Amino acid sequence: MRKYELALIVHPDALPETVGEIAETLTEVITEAGGGVQRAGQLANAKGNIVERPDGDWQQSKLAYPIKKETEGYYVILEIQTTPDVLPAIERNLRLNESVIRQLLVRRDE
């Protein structure tokens, strides 16, 4: 299994509960395929610190530049461990979700 980091920006009109549901759905997809989520949280500041949000208290942040005419959004970060064959299912799930306005999945150094 390989380690990956998944970064999402969720539309600012989405409710904090919706952001939590997106993270839970992704966690289910990953765990059903035999992988795991090491950490799920929100980007706290520009230095890259991640704050876990187990209580669902997701907060909006200002975007560095407008995306689809939006200047704010929810930053969601998932550190996952899974096999490469699960990645298309994760990306498909994110593309079909209209609340996700940007996504980035990168392989982490081991």
N, C-alpha and C. Protein backbone atom coordinates (compact mmCIF):
# COMPACT_ATOMS: atom_id res chain seq x y z
N MET A 1 0.83 -1.18 0.00
CA MET A 1 0.00 0.00 0.00
C MET A 1 0.88 1.25 0.00
N ARG A 2 0.37 2.27 -0.63
CA ARG A 2 1.08 3.53 -0.73
C ARG A 2 0.37 4.62 0.06
N LYS A 3 1.12 5.64 0.42
CA LYS A 3 0.55 6.76 1.15
C LYS A 3 0.25 7.90 0.19
N TYR A 4 -0.92 8.51 0.36
CA TYR A 4 -1.36 9.61 -0.47
C TYR A 4 -1.91 10.73 0.40
N GLU A 5 -1.94 11.92 -0.17
CA GLU A 5 -2.60 13.05 0.49
C GLU A 5 -3.64 13.59 -0.49
N LEU A 6 -4.86 13.70 0.00
CA LEU A 6 -5.97 14.17 -0.81
C LEU A 6 -6.42 15.52 -0.27
N ALA A 7 -6.36 16.54 -1.11
CA ALA A 7 -6.78 17.89 -0.72
C ALA A 7 -8.01 18.27 -1.54
N LEU A 8 -9.02 18.79 -0.85
CA LEU A 8 -10.26 19.20 -1.49
C LEU A 8 -10.59 20.63 -1.11
N ILE A 9 -11.26 21.31 -2.00
CA ILE A 9 -11.88 22.58 -1.64
C ILE A 9 -13.37 22.40 -1.92
N VAL A 10 -14.16 22.59 -0.88
CA VAL A 10 -15.61 22.42 -0.97
C VAL A 10 -16.26 23.79 -1.09
N HIS A 11 -17.28 23.87 -1.91
CA HIS A 11 -18.00 25.11 -2.20
C HIS A 11 -18.44 25.79 -0.90
N PRO A 12 -18.33 27.12 -0.82
CA PRO A 12 -18.68 27.83 0.42
C PRO A 12 -20.18 27.79 0.76
N ASP A 13 -21.03 27.53 -0.22
CA ASP A 13 -22.47 27.44 0.06
C ASP A 13 -22.86 26.12 0.72
N ALA A 14 -21.94 25.16 0.75
CA ALA A 14 -22.23 23.87 1.38
C ALA A 14 -22.28 24.05 2.90
N LEU A 15 -23.14 23.29 3.53
CA LEU A 15 -23.23 23.31 4.99
C LEU A 15 -22.06 22.55 5.59
N PRO A 16 -21.66 22.89 6.82
CA PRO A 16 -20.57 22.13 7.46
C PRO A 16 -20.88 20.63 7.56
N GLU A 17 -22.16 20.28 7.69
CA GLU A 17 -22.54 18.86 7.73
C GLU A 17 -22.23 18.18 6.40
N THR A 18 -22.41 18.91 5.30
CA THR A 18 -22.12 18.36 3.98
C THR A 18 -20.63 18.08 3.83
N VAL A 19 -19.80 18.96 4.36
CA VAL A 19 -18.36 18.76 4.30
C VAL A 19 -17.98 17.50 5.05
N GLY A 20 -18.57 17.30 6.22
CA GLY A 20 -18.33 16.08 6.99
C GLY A 20 -18.79 14.84 6.26
N GLU A 21 -19.93 14.93 5.57
CA GLU A 21 -20.44 13.79 4.81
C GLU A 21 -19.51 13.43 3.65
N ILE A 22 -18.93 14.43 3.01
CA ILE A 22 -17.98 14.17 1.92
C ILE A 22 -16.78 13.41 2.47
N ALA A 23 -16.25 13.86 3.60
CA ALA A 23 -15.09 13.18 4.21
C ALA A 23 -15.45 11.75 4.63
N GLU A 24 -16.66 11.55 5.17
CA GLU A 24 -17.09 10.22 5.58
C GLU A 24 -17.27 9.29 4.37
N THR A 25 -17.83 9.81 3.28
CA THR A 25 -18.01 9.01 2.07
C THR A 25 -16.67 8.55 1.52
N LEU A 26 -15.71 9.45 1.47
CA LEU A 26 -14.38 9.09 0.98
C LEU A 26 -13.73 8.06 1.90
N THR A 27 -13.91 8.22 3.20
CA THR A 27 -13.36 7.26 4.16
C THR A 27 -13.96 5.88 3.93
N GLU A 28 -15.27 5.81 3.67
CA GLU A 28 -15.93 4.53 3.41
C GLU A 28 -15.38 3.88 2.14
N VAL A 29 -15.22 4.67 1.08
CA VAL A 29 -14.70 4.12 -0.19
C VAL A 29 -13.31 3.53 0.03
N ILE A 30 -12.49 4.23 0.79
CA ILE A 30 -11.11 3.79 1.02
C ILE A 30 -11.06 2.54 1.90
N THR A 31 -11.84 2.53 2.98
CA THR A 31 -11.81 1.38 3.89
C THR A 31 -12.43 0.14 3.27
N GLU A 32 -13.45 0.30 2.44
CA GLU A 32 -14.05 -0.86 1.77
C GLU A 32 -13.06 -1.52 0.82
N ALA A 33 -12.13 -0.75 0.30
CA ALA A 33 -11.12 -1.29 -0.62
C ALA A 33 -9.90 -1.82 0.12
N GLY A 34 -9.95 -1.81 1.45
CA GLY A 34 -8.84 -2.36 2.22
C GLY A 34 -7.81 -1.34 2.65
N GLY A 35 -8.05 -0.07 2.39
CA GLY A 35 -7.12 0.98 2.78
C GLY A 35 -7.50 1.58 4.11
N GLY A 36 -6.89 2.70 4.42
CA GLY A 36 -7.19 3.37 5.67
C GLY A 36 -6.92 4.86 5.59
N VAL A 37 -7.56 5.60 6.49
CA VAL A 37 -7.36 7.04 6.60
C VAL A 37 -6.58 7.31 7.87
N GLN A 38 -5.35 7.83 7.72
CA GLN A 38 -4.53 8.12 8.90
C GLN A 38 -5.00 9.39 9.59
N ARG A 39 -5.35 10.39 8.79
CA ARG A 39 -5.77 11.66 9.37
C ARG A 39 -6.72 12.37 8.42
N ALA A 40 -7.75 12.95 8.98
CA ALA A 40 -8.70 13.75 8.21
C ALA A 40 -8.90 15.06 8.95
N GLY A 41 -8.80 16.15 8.24
CA GLY A 41 -8.96 17.42 8.91
C GLY A 41 -9.06 18.57 7.94
N GLN A 42 -8.81 19.75 8.49
CA GLN A 42 -8.94 20.97 7.72
C GLN A 42 -7.62 21.72 7.77
N LEU A 43 -7.27 22.34 6.66
CA LEU A 43 -6.06 23.15 6.61
C LEU A 43 -6.25 24.35 7.53
N ALA A 44 -5.35 24.50 8.50
CA ALA A 44 -5.53 25.53 9.52
C ALA A 44 -4.91 26.86 9.14
N ASN A 45 -3.76 26.83 8.46
CA ASN A 45 -3.09 28.08 8.11
C ASN A 45 -2.21 27.86 6.89
N ALA A 46 -1.55 28.91 6.46
CA ALA A 46 -0.72 28.85 5.25
C ALA A 46 0.52 27.98 5.42
N LYS A 47 0.88 27.64 6.64
CA LYS A 47 2.05 26.81 6.88
C LYS A 47 1.76 25.32 6.66
N GLY A 48 0.52 24.98 6.41
CA GLY A 48 0.18 23.59 6.13
C GLY A 48 -0.22 22.78 7.34
N ASN A 49 -0.47 23.42 8.46
CA ASN A 49 -0.92 22.69 9.65
C ASN A 49 -2.34 22.18 9.44
N ILE A 50 -2.58 20.95 9.88
CA ILE A 50 -3.88 20.33 9.73
C ILE A 50 -4.54 20.21 11.10
N VAL A 51 -5.80 20.66 11.17
CA VAL A 51 -6.58 20.56 12.40
C VAL A 51 -7.68 19.54 12.16
N GLU A 52 -7.76 18.53 13.01
CA GLU A 52 -8.80 17.52 12.87
C GLU A 52 -10.12 18.10 13.36
N ARG A 53 -11.21 17.73 12.69
CA ARG A 53 -12.54 18.25 13.01
C ARG A 53 -13.50 17.09 13.31
N PRO A 54 -13.30 16.36 14.41
CA PRO A 54 -14.18 15.23 14.69
C PRO A 54 -15.60 15.64 15.05
N ASP A 55 -15.77 16.87 15.55
CA ASP A 55 -17.10 17.32 15.93
C ASP A 55 -17.87 17.96 14.78
N GLY A 56 -17.28 18.02 13.60
CA GLY A 56 -17.95 18.57 12.44
C GLY A 56 -17.94 20.08 12.39
N ASP A 57 -17.06 20.73 13.13
CA ASP A 57 -16.97 22.18 13.18
C ASP A 57 -16.08 22.68 12.04
N TRP A 58 -16.52 22.47 10.81
CA TRP A 58 -15.74 22.88 9.64
C TRP A 58 -15.91 24.38 9.45
N GLN A 59 -14.81 25.07 9.12
CA GLN A 59 -14.83 26.51 8.94
C GLN A 59 -14.32 26.89 7.55
N GLN A 60 -14.90 27.95 7.02
CA GLN A 60 -14.48 28.42 5.71
C GLN A 60 -13.18 29.20 5.81
N SER A 61 -12.42 29.15 4.74
CA SER A 61 -11.17 29.90 4.65
C SER A 61 -11.14 30.67 3.34
N LYS A 62 -10.37 31.71 3.33
CA LYS A 62 -10.21 32.51 2.11
C LYS A 62 -9.30 31.75 1.15
N LEU A 63 -9.68 31.70 -0.11
CA LEU A 63 -8.87 31.04 -1.13
C LEU A 63 -7.75 31.97 -1.59
N ALA A 64 -6.67 31.40 -2.05
CA ALA A 64 -5.54 32.20 -2.53
C ALA A 64 -5.90 32.98 -3.79
N TYR A 65 -6.79 32.41 -4.61
CA TYR A 65 -7.27 33.06 -5.82
C TYR A 65 -8.67 32.54 -6.10
N PRO A 66 -9.50 33.29 -6.82
CA PRO A 66 -10.87 32.85 -7.09
C PRO A 66 -10.91 31.55 -7.91
N ILE A 67 -11.79 30.66 -7.51
CA ILE A 67 -12.04 29.41 -8.25
C ILE A 67 -13.53 29.38 -8.54
N LYS A 68 -13.87 29.34 -9.81
CA LYS A 68 -15.27 29.37 -10.24
C LYS A 68 -16.02 30.54 -9.60
N LYS A 69 -15.37 31.68 -9.58
CA LYS A 69 -15.89 32.95 -9.06
C LYS A 69 -16.14 32.92 -7.55
N GLU A 70 -15.57 31.97 -6.84
CA GLU A 70 -15.69 31.89 -5.38
C GLU A 70 -14.37 32.29 -4.75
N THR A 71 -14.43 33.05 -3.66
CA THR A 71 -13.22 33.50 -2.98
C THR A 71 -13.02 32.82 -1.63
N GLU A 72 -13.99 32.00 -1.19
CA GLU A 72 -13.88 31.26 0.06
C GLU A 72 -14.29 29.82 -0.19
N GLY A 73 -13.92 28.95 0.75
CA GLY A 73 -14.29 27.55 0.64
C GLY A 73 -13.79 26.79 1.86
N TYR A 74 -14.16 25.53 1.92
CA TYR A 74 -13.71 24.65 3.00
C TYR A 74 -12.53 23.83 2.49
N TYR A 75 -11.38 23.94 3.15
CA TYR A 75 -10.23 23.12 2.81
C TYR A 75 -10.32 21.82 3.59
N VAL A 76 -10.29 20.69 2.90
CA VAL A 76 -10.34 19.38 3.55
C VAL A 76 -9.09 18.61 3.13
N ILE A 77 -8.39 18.04 4.10
CA ILE A 77 -7.18 17.26 3.84
C ILE A 77 -7.36 15.86 4.41
N LEU A 78 -7.09 14.85 3.59
CA LEU A 78 -7.13 13.45 4.04
C LEU A 78 -5.77 12.83 3.76
N GLU A 79 -5.17 12.27 4.77
CA GLU A 79 -3.94 11.49 4.59
C GLU A 79 -4.37 10.03 4.59
N ILE A 80 -4.18 9.37 3.45
CA ILE A 80 -4.70 8.02 3.28
C ILE A 80 -3.58 7.05 2.91
N GLN A 81 -3.89 5.78 3.10
CA GLN A 81 -2.99 4.70 2.69
C GLN A 81 -3.86 3.68 1.96
N THR A 82 -3.55 3.45 0.69
CA THR A 82 -4.36 2.55 -0.12
C THR A 82 -3.55 2.06 -1.32
N THR A 83 -4.16 1.17 -2.07
CA THR A 83 -3.52 0.67 -3.28
C THR A 83 -3.87 1.58 -4.46
N PRO A 84 -3.03 1.62 -5.49
CA PRO A 84 -3.29 2.52 -6.62
C PRO A 84 -4.58 2.22 -7.38
N ASP A 85 -5.09 0.99 -7.32
CA ASP A 85 -6.30 0.68 -8.07
C ASP A 85 -7.56 1.32 -7.48
N VAL A 86 -7.50 1.87 -6.28
CA VAL A 86 -8.64 2.53 -5.65
C VAL A 86 -8.74 3.99 -6.07
N LEU A 87 -7.66 4.57 -6.55
CA LEU A 87 -7.62 5.99 -6.88
C LEU A 87 -8.66 6.41 -7.92
N PRO A 88 -8.91 5.64 -8.98
CA PRO A 88 -9.96 6.05 -9.93
C PRO A 88 -11.34 6.15 -9.28
N ALA A 89 -11.64 5.26 -8.33
CA ALA A 89 -12.94 5.33 -7.65
C ALA A 89 -13.04 6.58 -6.79
N ILE A 90 -11.94 6.95 -6.14
CA ILE A 90 -11.94 8.16 -5.32
C ILE A 90 -12.13 9.40 -6.21
N GLU A 91 -11.38 9.47 -7.29
CA GLU A 91 -11.47 10.63 -8.18
C GLU A 91 -12.84 10.72 -8.84
N ARG A 92 -13.42 9.58 -9.19
CA ARG A 92 -14.76 9.57 -9.78
C ARG A 92 -15.78 10.10 -8.78
N ASN A 93 -15.67 9.65 -7.53
CA ASN A 93 -16.58 10.10 -6.49
C ASN A 93 -16.50 11.62 -6.32
N LEU A 94 -15.31 12.17 -6.39
CA LEU A 94 -15.14 13.61 -6.22
C LEU A 94 -15.64 14.40 -7.43
N ARG A 95 -15.42 13.88 -8.63
CA ARG A 95 -15.89 14.57 -9.84
C ARG A 95 -17.41 14.64 -9.88
N LEU A 96 -18.08 13.60 -9.37
CA LEU A 96 -19.54 13.57 -9.40
C LEU A 96 -20.18 14.44 -8.32
N ASN A 97 -19.41 14.82 -7.33
CA ASN A 97 -19.94 15.63 -6.24
C ASN A 97 -19.85 17.11 -6.63
N GLU A 98 -20.99 17.76 -6.76
CA GLU A 98 -21.02 19.15 -7.21
C GLU A 98 -20.49 20.13 -6.16
N SER A 99 -20.42 19.72 -4.91
CA SER A 99 -19.93 20.61 -3.85
C SER A 99 -18.41 20.76 -3.87
N VAL A 100 -17.71 19.81 -4.49
CA VAL A 100 -16.25 19.87 -4.55
C VAL A 100 -15.86 20.71 -5.76
N ILE A 101 -15.18 21.84 -5.49
CA ILE A 101 -14.82 22.72 -6.61
C ILE A 101 -13.38 22.52 -7.07
N ARG A 102 -12.55 21.88 -6.25
CA ARG A 102 -11.17 21.59 -6.65
C ARG A 102 -10.66 20.41 -5.84
N GLN A 103 -9.82 19.58 -6.46
CA GLN A 103 -9.26 18.42 -5.78
C GLN A 103 -7.84 18.19 -6.25
N LEU A 104 -7.05 17.59 -5.37
CA LEU A 104 -5.68 17.25 -5.71
C LEU A 104 -5.29 16.00 -4.92
N LEU A 105 -4.85 14.97 -5.62
CA LEU A 105 -4.42 13.73 -4.99
C LEU A 105 -2.96 13.50 -5.36
N VAL A 106 -2.09 13.45 -4.35
CA VAL A 106 -0.66 13.28 -4.60
C VAL A 106 -0.13 12.13 -3.76
N ARG A 107 0.88 11.46 -4.30
CA ARG A 107 1.55 10.39 -3.57
C ARG A 107 2.59 10.99 -2.64
N ARG A 108 2.57 10.54 -1.40
CA ARG A 108 3.53 11.05 -0.41
C ARG A 108 4.78 10.19 -0.41
N ASP A 109 5.90 10.79 -0.07
CA ASP A 109 7.14 10.04 0.07
C ASP A 109 7.04 9.11 1.28
N GLU A 110 7.60 7.94 1.13
CA GLU A 110 7.50 6.98 2.22
C GLU A 110 8.67 7.05 3.15
